[in-house]
Amino acid sequence: KSRSGQQWDIWEATYSPQGADGYPVRLW
């Protein structure tokens, strides 16, 4: 759920819409 604290996940946490579960929606 983008919680690794690493580079690809923070781009997702910043740029993605928020999912119904409150976490970022995956780009891929």
PDB file of all heavy atoms in Angstrom:
ATOM      1  N   LYS A   1       0.814  -1.221   0.000  1.00  0.00           N
ATOM      2  CA  LYS A   1       0.000   0.000   0.000  1.00  0.00           C
ATOM      3  C   LYS A   1       0.857   1.285   0.000  1.00  0.00           C
ATOM      4  O   LYS A   1       0.551   2.268   0.681  1.00  0.00           O
ATOM      5  CB  LYS A   1      -0.957   0.008   1.196  1.00  0.00           C
ATOM      6  CG  LYS A   1      -1.945  -1.153   1.204  1.00  0.00           C
ATOM      7  CD  LYS A   1      -2.915  -1.057   2.365  1.00  0.00           C
ATOM      8  CE  LYS A   1      -3.853  -2.257   2.402  1.00  0.00           C
ATOM      9  NZ  LYS A   1      -4.736  -2.321   1.217  1.00  0.00           N
ATOM     10  N   SER A   2       1.943   1.249  -0.762  1.00  0.00           N
ATOM     11  CA  SER A   2       2.852   2.405  -0.900  1.00  0.00           C
ATOM     12  C   SER A   2       3.537   2.769   0.414  1.00  0.00           C
ATOM     13  O   SER A   2       3.966   3.907   0.598  1.00  0.00           O
ATOM     14  CB  SER A   2       2.113   3.636  -1.455  1.00  0.00           C
ATOM     15  OG  SER A   2       1.442   3.335  -2.660  1.00  0.00           O
ATOM     16  N   ARG A   3       3.699   1.802   1.307  1.00  0.00           N
ATOM     17  CA  ARG A   3       4.232   2.083   2.645  1.00  0.00           C
ATOM     18  C   ARG A   3       5.697   1.705   2.830  1.00  0.00           C
ATOM     19  O   ARG A   3       6.169   1.610   3.961  1.00  0.00           O
ATOM     20  CB  ARG A   3       3.385   1.357   3.697  1.00  0.00           C
ATOM     21  CG  ARG A   3       1.978   1.906   3.837  1.00  0.00           C
ATOM     22  CD  ARG A   3       1.198   1.232   4.951  1.00  0.00           C
ATOM     23  NE  ARG A   3       0.839  -0.147   4.645  1.00  0.00           N
ATOM     24  CZ  ARG A   3      -0.018  -0.871   5.355  1.00  0.00           C
ATOM     25  NH1 ARG A   3      -0.600  -0.343   6.428  1.00  0.00           N
ATOM     26  NH2 ARG A   3      -0.296  -2.113   5.011  1.00  0.00           N
ATOM     27  N   SER A   4       6.427   1.519   1.745  1.00  0.00           N
ATOM     28  CA  SER A   4       7.827   1.099   1.893  1.00  0.00           C
ATOM     29  C   SER A   4       8.736   2.223   2.375  1.00  0.00           C
ATOM     30  O   SER A   4       9.826   1.975   2.866  1.00  0.00           O
ATOM     31  CB  SER A   4       8.353   0.565   0.561  1.00  0.00           C
ATOM     32  OG  SER A   4       8.518   1.617  -0.379  1.00  0.00           O
ATOM     33  N   GLY A   5       8.318   3.469   2.170  1.00  0.00           N
ATOM     34  CA  GLY A   5       9.186   4.595   2.496  1.00  0.00           C
ATOM     35  C   GLY A   5      10.294   4.804   1.480  1.00  0.00           C
ATOM     36  O   GLY A   5      11.262   5.519   1.750  1.00  0.00           O
ATOM     37  N   GLN A   6      10.136   4.205   0.286  1.00  0.00           N
ATOM     38  CA  GLN A   6      11.176   4.285  -0.740  1.00  0.00           C
ATOM     39  C   GLN A   6      10.692   5.105  -1.939  1.00  0.00           C
ATOM     40  O   GLN A   6       9.586   5.620  -1.962  1.00  0.00           O
ATOM     41  CB  GLN A   6      11.577   2.882  -1.158  1.00  0.00           C
ATOM     42  CG  GLN A   6      12.009   1.987  -0.006  1.00  0.00           C
ATOM     43  CD  GLN A   6      13.203   2.506   0.755  1.00  0.00           C
ATOM     44  OE1 GLN A   6      14.269   2.735   0.173  1.00  0.00           O
ATOM     45  NE2 GLN A   6      13.052   2.692   2.061  1.00  0.00           N
ATOM     46  N   GLN A   7      11.565   5.203  -2.955  1.00  0.00           N
ATOM     47  CA  GLN A   7      11.388   6.180  -4.021  1.00  0.00           C
ATOM     48  C   GLN A   7      10.134   6.002  -4.864  1.00  0.00           C
ATOM     49  O   GLN A   7       9.371   6.954  -5.063  1.00  0.00           O
ATOM     50  CB  GLN A   7      12.605   6.163  -4.942  1.00  0.00           C
ATOM     51  CG  GLN A   7      12.591   7.256  -5.997  1.00  0.00           C
ATOM     52  CD  GLN A   7      12.587   8.641  -5.391  1.00  0.00           C
ATOM     53  OE1 GLN A   7      13.624   9.129  -4.972  1.00  0.00           O
ATOM     54  NE2 GLN A   7      11.441   9.296  -5.343  1.00  0.00           N
ATOM     55  N   TRP A   8       9.892   4.806  -5.391  1.00  0.00           N
ATOM     56  CA  TRP A   8       8.732   4.640  -6.272  1.00  0.00           C
ATOM     57  C   TRP A   8       7.437   4.800  -5.498  1.00  0.00           C
ATOM     58  O   TRP A   8       6.444   5.335  -6.009  1.00  0.00           O
ATOM     59  CB  TRP A   8       8.784   3.282  -6.967  1.00  0.00           C
ATOM     60  CG  TRP A   8      10.012   3.123  -7.794  1.00  0.00           C
ATOM     61  CD1 TRP A   8      11.182   2.500  -7.434  1.00  0.00           C
ATOM     62  CD2 TRP A   8      10.255   3.656  -9.109  1.00  0.00           C
ATOM     63  NE1 TRP A   8      12.107   2.595  -8.433  1.00  0.00           N
ATOM     64  CE2 TRP A   8      11.573   3.286  -9.482  1.00  0.00           C
ATOM     65  CE3 TRP A   8       9.482   4.382 -10.009  1.00  0.00           C
ATOM     66  CZ2 TRP A   8      12.127   3.634 -10.721  1.00  0.00           C
ATOM     67  CZ3 TRP A   8      10.018   4.730 -11.236  1.00  0.00           C
ATOM     68  CH2 TRP A   8      11.327   4.361 -11.577  1.00  0.00           C
ATOM     69  N   ASP A   9       7.429   4.380  -4.252  1.00  0.00           N
ATOM     70  CA  ASP A   9       6.216   4.503  -3.437  1.00  0.00           C
ATOM     71  C   ASP A   9       5.906   5.941  -3.067  1.00  0.00           C
ATOM     72  O   ASP A   9       4.733   6.330  -2.991  1.00  0.00           O
ATOM     73  CB  ASP A   9       6.339   3.649  -2.174  1.00  0.00           C
ATOM     74  CG  ASP A   9       5.926   2.201  -2.414  1.00  0.00           C
ATOM     75  OD1 ASP A   9       5.450   1.893  -3.523  1.00  0.00           O
ATOM     76  OD2 ASP A   9       6.094   1.375  -1.493  1.00  0.00           O
ATOM     77  N   ILE A  10       6.929   6.771  -2.826  1.00  0.00           N
ATOM     78  CA  ILE A  10       6.617   8.159  -2.459  1.00  0.00           C
ATOM     79  C   ILE A  10       6.115   8.924  -3.678  1.00  0.00           C
ATOM     80  O   ILE A  10       5.250   9.798  -3.566  1.00  0.00           O
ATOM     81  CB  ILE A  10       7.813   8.885  -1.822  1.00  0.00           C
ATOM     82  CG1 ILE A  10       7.412  10.307  -1.392  1.00  0.00           C
ATOM     83  CG2 ILE A  10       8.996   8.963  -2.762  1.00  0.00           C
ATOM     84  CD1 ILE A  10       6.172  10.399  -0.528  1.00  0.00           C
ATOM     85  N   TRP A  11       6.605   8.599  -4.854  1.00  0.00           N
ATOM     86  CA  TRP A  11       6.024   9.235  -6.036  1.00  0.00           C
ATOM     87  C   TRP A  11       4.547   8.883  -6.128  1.00  0.00           C
ATOM     88  O   TRP A  11       3.712   9.738  -6.440  1.00  0.00           O
ATOM     89  CB  TRP A  11       6.774   8.780  -7.292  1.00  0.00           C
ATOM     90  CG  TRP A  11       8.111   9.455  -7.452  1.00  0.00           C
ATOM     91  CD1 TRP A  11       8.490  10.670  -6.944  1.00  0.00           C
ATOM     92  CD2 TRP A  11       9.241   8.966  -8.171  1.00  0.00           C
ATOM     93  NE1 TRP A  11       9.780  10.965  -7.300  1.00  0.00           N
ATOM     94  CE2 TRP A  11      10.276   9.933  -8.059  1.00  0.00           C
ATOM     95  CE3 TRP A  11       9.490   7.800  -8.894  1.00  0.00           C
ATOM     96  CZ2 TRP A  11      11.527   9.775  -8.652  1.00  0.00           C
ATOM     97  CZ3 TRP A  11      10.733   7.636  -9.489  1.00  0.00           C
ATOM     98  CH2 TRP A  11      11.741   8.611  -9.367  1.00  0.00           C
ATOM     99  N   GLU A  12       4.213   7.642  -5.833  1.00  0.00           N
ATOM    100  CA  GLU A  12       2.820   7.212  -5.846  1.00  0.00           C
ATOM    101  C   GLU A  12       2.020   7.910  -4.754  1.00  0.00           C
ATOM    102  O   GLU A  12       0.897   8.384  -4.976  1.00  0.00           O
ATOM    103  CB  GLU A  12       2.769   5.699  -5.641  1.00  0.00           C
ATOM    104  CG  GLU A  12       1.715   4.985  -6.416  1.00  0.00           C
ATOM    105  CD  GLU A  12       2.008   3.492  -6.486  1.00  0.00           C
ATOM    106  OE1 GLU A  12       2.240   2.881  -5.431  1.00  0.00           O
ATOM    107  OE2 GLU A  12       2.004   2.946  -7.599  1.00  0.00           O
ATOM    108  N   ALA A  13       2.581   7.982  -3.550  1.00  0.00           N
ATOM    109  CA  ALA A  13       1.884   8.615  -2.429  1.00  0.00           C
ATOM    110  C   ALA A  13       1.653  10.095  -2.686  1.00  0.00           C
ATOM    111  O   ALA A  13       0.676  10.675  -2.192  1.00  0.00           O
ATOM    112  CB  ALA A  13       2.672   8.421  -1.135  1.00  0.00           C
ATOM    113  N   THR A  14       2.528  10.711  -3.477  1.00  0.00           N
ATOM    114  CA  THR A  14       2.394  12.138  -3.786  1.00  0.00           C
ATOM    115  C   THR A  14       1.460  12.378  -4.964  1.00  0.00           C
ATOM    116  O   THR A  14       0.586  13.244  -4.913  1.00  0.00           O
ATOM    117  CB  THR A  14       3.767  12.755  -4.096  1.00  0.00           C
ATOM    118  OG1 THR A  14       4.649  12.540  -2.993  1.00  0.00           O
ATOM    119  CG2 THR A  14       3.648  14.257  -4.349  1.00  0.00           C
ATOM    120  N   TYR A  15       1.641  11.620  -6.043  1.00  0.00           N
ATOM    121  CA  TYR A  15       0.969  11.933  -7.303  1.00  0.00           C
ATOM    122  C   TYR A  15      -0.373  11.248  -7.513  1.00  0.00           C
ATOM    123  O   TYR A  15      -1.173  11.698  -8.325  1.00  0.00           O
ATOM    124  CB  TYR A  15       1.874  11.551  -8.489  1.00  0.00           C
ATOM    125  CG  TYR A  15       3.273  12.109  -8.466  1.00  0.00           C
ATOM    126  CD1 TYR A  15       4.332  11.402  -9.039  1.00  0.00           C
ATOM    127  CD2 TYR A  15       3.558  13.343  -7.887  1.00  0.00           C
ATOM    128  CE1 TYR A  15       5.625  11.906  -9.035  1.00  0.00           C
ATOM    129  CE2 TYR A  15       4.843  13.853  -7.871  1.00  0.00           C
ATOM    130  CZ  TYR A  15       5.883  13.126  -8.451  1.00  0.00           C
ATOM    131  OH  TYR A  15       7.165  13.613  -8.432  1.00  0.00           O
ATOM    132  N   SER A  16      -0.626  10.147  -6.803  1.00  0.00           N
ATOM    133  CA  SER A  16      -1.812   9.340  -7.101  1.00  0.00           C
ATOM    134  C   SER A  16      -3.070   9.855  -6.409  1.00  0.00           C
ATOM    135  O   SER A  16      -2.981  10.496  -5.355  1.00  0.00           O
ATOM    136  CB  SER A  16      -1.583   7.886  -6.668  1.00  0.00           C
ATOM    137  OG  SER A  16      -0.776   7.195  -7.583  1.00  0.00           O
ATOM    138  N   PRO A  17      -4.231   9.529  -6.951  1.00  0.00           N
ATOM    139  CA  PRO A  17      -5.473   9.784  -6.210  1.00  0.00           C
ATOM    140  C   PRO A  17      -5.526   8.862  -5.004  1.00  0.00           C
ATOM    141  O   PRO A  17      -4.830   7.844  -4.930  1.00  0.00           O
ATOM    142  CB  PRO A  17      -6.564   9.441  -7.228  1.00  0.00           C
ATOM    143  CG  PRO A  17      -5.924   8.474  -8.166  1.00  0.00           C
ATOM    144  CD  PRO A  17      -4.484   8.875  -8.257  1.00  0.00           C
ATOM    145  N   GLN A  18      -6.358   9.230  -4.055  1.00  0.00           N
ATOM    146  CA  GLN A  18      -6.521   8.413  -2.854  1.00  0.00           C
ATOM    147  C   GLN A  18      -7.564   7.335  -3.115  1.00  0.00           C
ATOM    148  O   GLN A  18      -8.641   7.607  -3.642  1.00  0.00           O
ATOM    149  CB  GLN A  18      -6.948   9.292  -1.677  1.00  0.00           C
ATOM    150  CG  GLN A  18      -6.977   8.583  -0.335  1.00  0.00           C
ATOM    151  CD  GLN A  18      -7.450   9.510   0.772  1.00  0.00           C
ATOM    152  OE1 GLN A  18      -8.489  10.165   0.634  1.00  0.00           O
ATOM    153  NE2 GLN A  18      -6.685   9.588   1.860  1.00  0.00           N
ATOM    154  N   GLY A  19      -7.244   6.107  -2.737  1.00  0.00           N
ATOM    155  CA  GLY A  19      -8.175   5.013  -2.932  1.00  0.00           C
ATOM    156  C   GLY A  19      -9.257   4.978  -1.865  1.00  0.00           C
ATOM    157  O   GLY A  19      -9.191   5.702  -0.862  1.00  0.00           O
ATOM    158  N   ALA A  20     -10.238   4.117  -2.059  1.00  0.00           N
ATOM    159  CA  ALA A  20     -11.336   3.995  -1.095  1.00  0.00           C
ATOM    160  C   ALA A  20     -10.850   3.549   0.273  1.00  0.00           C
ATOM    161  O   ALA A  20     -11.485   3.840   1.292  1.00  0.00           O
ATOM    162  CB  ALA A  20     -12.379   3.013  -1.637  1.00  0.00           C
ATOM    163  N   ASP A  21      -9.702   2.848   0.309  1.00  0.00           N
ATOM    164  CA  ASP A  21      -9.158   2.387   1.583  1.00  0.00           C
ATOM    165  C   ASP A  21      -8.289   3.432   2.263  1.00  0.00           C
ATOM    166  O   ASP A  21      -7.750   3.194   3.346  1.00  0.00           O
ATOM    167  CB  ASP A  21      -8.361   1.095   1.389  1.00  0.00           C
ATOM    168  CG  ASP A  21      -7.169   1.274   0.439  1.00  0.00           C
ATOM    169  OD1 ASP A  21      -6.994   2.387  -0.109  1.00  0.00           O
ATOM    170  OD2 ASP A  21      -6.426   0.291   0.252  1.00  0.00           O
ATOM    171  N   GLY A  22      -8.133   4.615   1.645  1.00  0.00           N
ATOM    172  CA  GLY A  22      -7.343   5.686   2.240  1.00  0.00           C
ATOM    173  C   GLY A  22      -5.901   5.722   1.803  1.00  0.00           C
ATOM    174  O   GLY A  22      -5.187   6.684   2.100  1.00  0.00           O
ATOM    175  N   TYR A  23      -5.462   4.700   1.074  1.00  0.00           N
ATOM    176  CA  TYR A  23      -4.075   4.641   0.607  1.00  0.00           C
ATOM    177  C   TYR A  23      -4.011   5.074  -0.864  1.00  0.00           C
ATOM    178  O   TYR A  23      -5.022   5.080  -1.574  1.00  0.00           O
ATOM    179  CB  TYR A  23      -3.533   3.222   0.766  1.00  0.00           C
ATOM    180  CG  TYR A  23      -3.495   2.736   2.198  1.00  0.00           C
ATOM    181  CD1 TYR A  23      -4.496   1.895   2.689  1.00  0.00           C
ATOM    182  CD2 TYR A  23      -2.473   3.120   3.058  1.00  0.00           C
ATOM    183  CE1 TYR A  23      -4.477   1.440   4.001  1.00  0.00           C
ATOM    184  CE2 TYR A  23      -2.437   2.674   4.375  1.00  0.00           C
ATOM    185  CZ  TYR A  23      -3.447   1.838   4.844  1.00  0.00           C
ATOM    186  OH  TYR A  23      -3.425   1.410   6.153  1.00  0.00           O
ATOM    187  N   PRO A  24      -2.813   5.430  -1.355  1.00  0.00           N
ATOM    188  CA  PRO A  24      -2.690   5.843  -2.750  1.00  0.00           C
ATOM    189  C   PRO A  24      -3.064   4.718  -3.718  1.00  0.00           C
ATOM    190  O   PRO A  24      -2.793   3.548  -3.450  1.00  0.00           O
ATOM    191  CB  PRO A  24      -1.198   6.200  -2.882  1.00  0.00           C
ATOM    192  CG  PRO A  24      -0.722   6.429  -1.482  1.00  0.00           C
ATOM    193  CD  PRO A  24      -1.534   5.530  -0.616  1.00  0.00           C
ATOM    194  N   VAL A  25      -3.651   5.088  -4.849  1.00  0.00           N
ATOM    195  CA  VAL A  25      -3.962   4.116  -5.893  1.00  0.00           C
ATOM    196  C   VAL A  25      -2.681   3.844  -6.683  1.00  0.00           C
ATOM    197  O   VAL A  25      -1.953   4.764  -7.048  1.00  0.00           O
ATOM    198  CB  VAL A  25      -5.066   4.633  -6.828  1.00  0.00           C
ATOM    199  CG1 VAL A  25      -5.383   3.600  -7.897  1.00  0.00           C
ATOM    200  CG2 VAL A  25      -6.318   4.983  -6.037  1.00  0.00           C
ATOM    201  N   ARG A  26      -2.419   2.594  -6.951  1.00  0.00           N
ATOM    202  CA  ARG A  26      -1.205   2.208  -7.656  1.00  0.00           C
ATOM    203  C   ARG A  26      -1.195   2.735  -9.094  1.00  0.00           C
ATOM    204  O   ARG A  26      -2.186   2.628  -9.813  1.00  0.00           O
ATOM    205  CB  ARG A  26      -1.087   0.689  -7.708  1.00  0.00           C
ATOM    206  CG  ARG A  26      -0.833   0.021  -6.348  1.00  0.00           C
ATOM    207  CD  ARG A  26       0.567   0.260  -5.872  1.00  0.00           C
ATOM    208  NE  ARG A  26       0.928  -0.627  -4.772  1.00  0.00           N
ATOM    209  CZ  ARG A  26       1.995  -0.433  -4.006  1.00  0.00           C
ATOM    210  NH1 ARG A  26       2.784   0.589  -4.221  1.00  0.00           N
ATOM    211  NH2 ARG A  26       2.274  -1.269  -3.021  1.00  0.00           N
ATOM    212  N   LEU A  27      -0.036   3.271  -9.516  1.00  0.00           N
ATOM    213  CA  LEU A  27       0.144   3.617 -10.922  1.00  0.00           C
ATOM    214  C   LEU A  27       0.277   2.344 -11.744  1.00  0.00           C
ATOM    215  O   LEU A  27      -0.235   2.258 -12.852  1.00  0.00           O
ATOM    216  CB  LEU A  27       1.391   4.480 -11.108  1.00  0.00           C
ATOM    217  CG  LEU A  27       1.786   4.766 -12.567  1.00  0.00           C
ATOM    218  CD1 LEU A  27       0.695   5.558 -13.275  1.00  0.00           C
ATOM    219  CD2 LEU A  27       3.114   5.494 -12.640  1.00  0.00           C
ATOM    220  N   TRP A  28       0.997   1.368 -11.195  1.00  0.00           N
ATOM    221  CA  TRP A  28       1.086   0.078 -11.858  1.00  0.00           C
ATOM    222  C   TRP A  28       1.009  -1.031 -10.826  1.00  0.00           C
ATOM    223  O   TRP A  28       1.273  -0.818  -9.640  1.00  0.00           O
ATOM    224  CB  TRP A  28       2.354  -0.049 -12.702  1.00  0.00           C
ATOM    225  CG  TRP A  28       3.660   0.142 -11.994  1.00  0.00           C
ATOM    226  CD1 TRP A  28       4.168  -0.589 -10.954  1.00  0.00           C
ATOM    227  CD2 TRP A  28       4.666   1.122 -12.309  1.00  0.00           C
ATOM    228  NE1 TRP A  28       5.409  -0.133 -10.600  1.00  0.00           N
ATOM    229  CE2 TRP A  28       5.743   0.921 -11.418  1.00  0.00           C
ATOM    230  CE3 TRP A  28       4.762   2.140 -13.267  1.00  0.00           C
ATOM    231  CZ2 TRP A  28       6.898   1.698 -11.456  1.00  0.00           C
ATOM    232  CZ3 TRP A  28       5.919   2.918 -13.289  1.00  0.00           C
ATOM    233  CH2 TRP A  28       6.957   2.695 -12.400  1.00  0.00           C
TER     234      TRP A  28
END
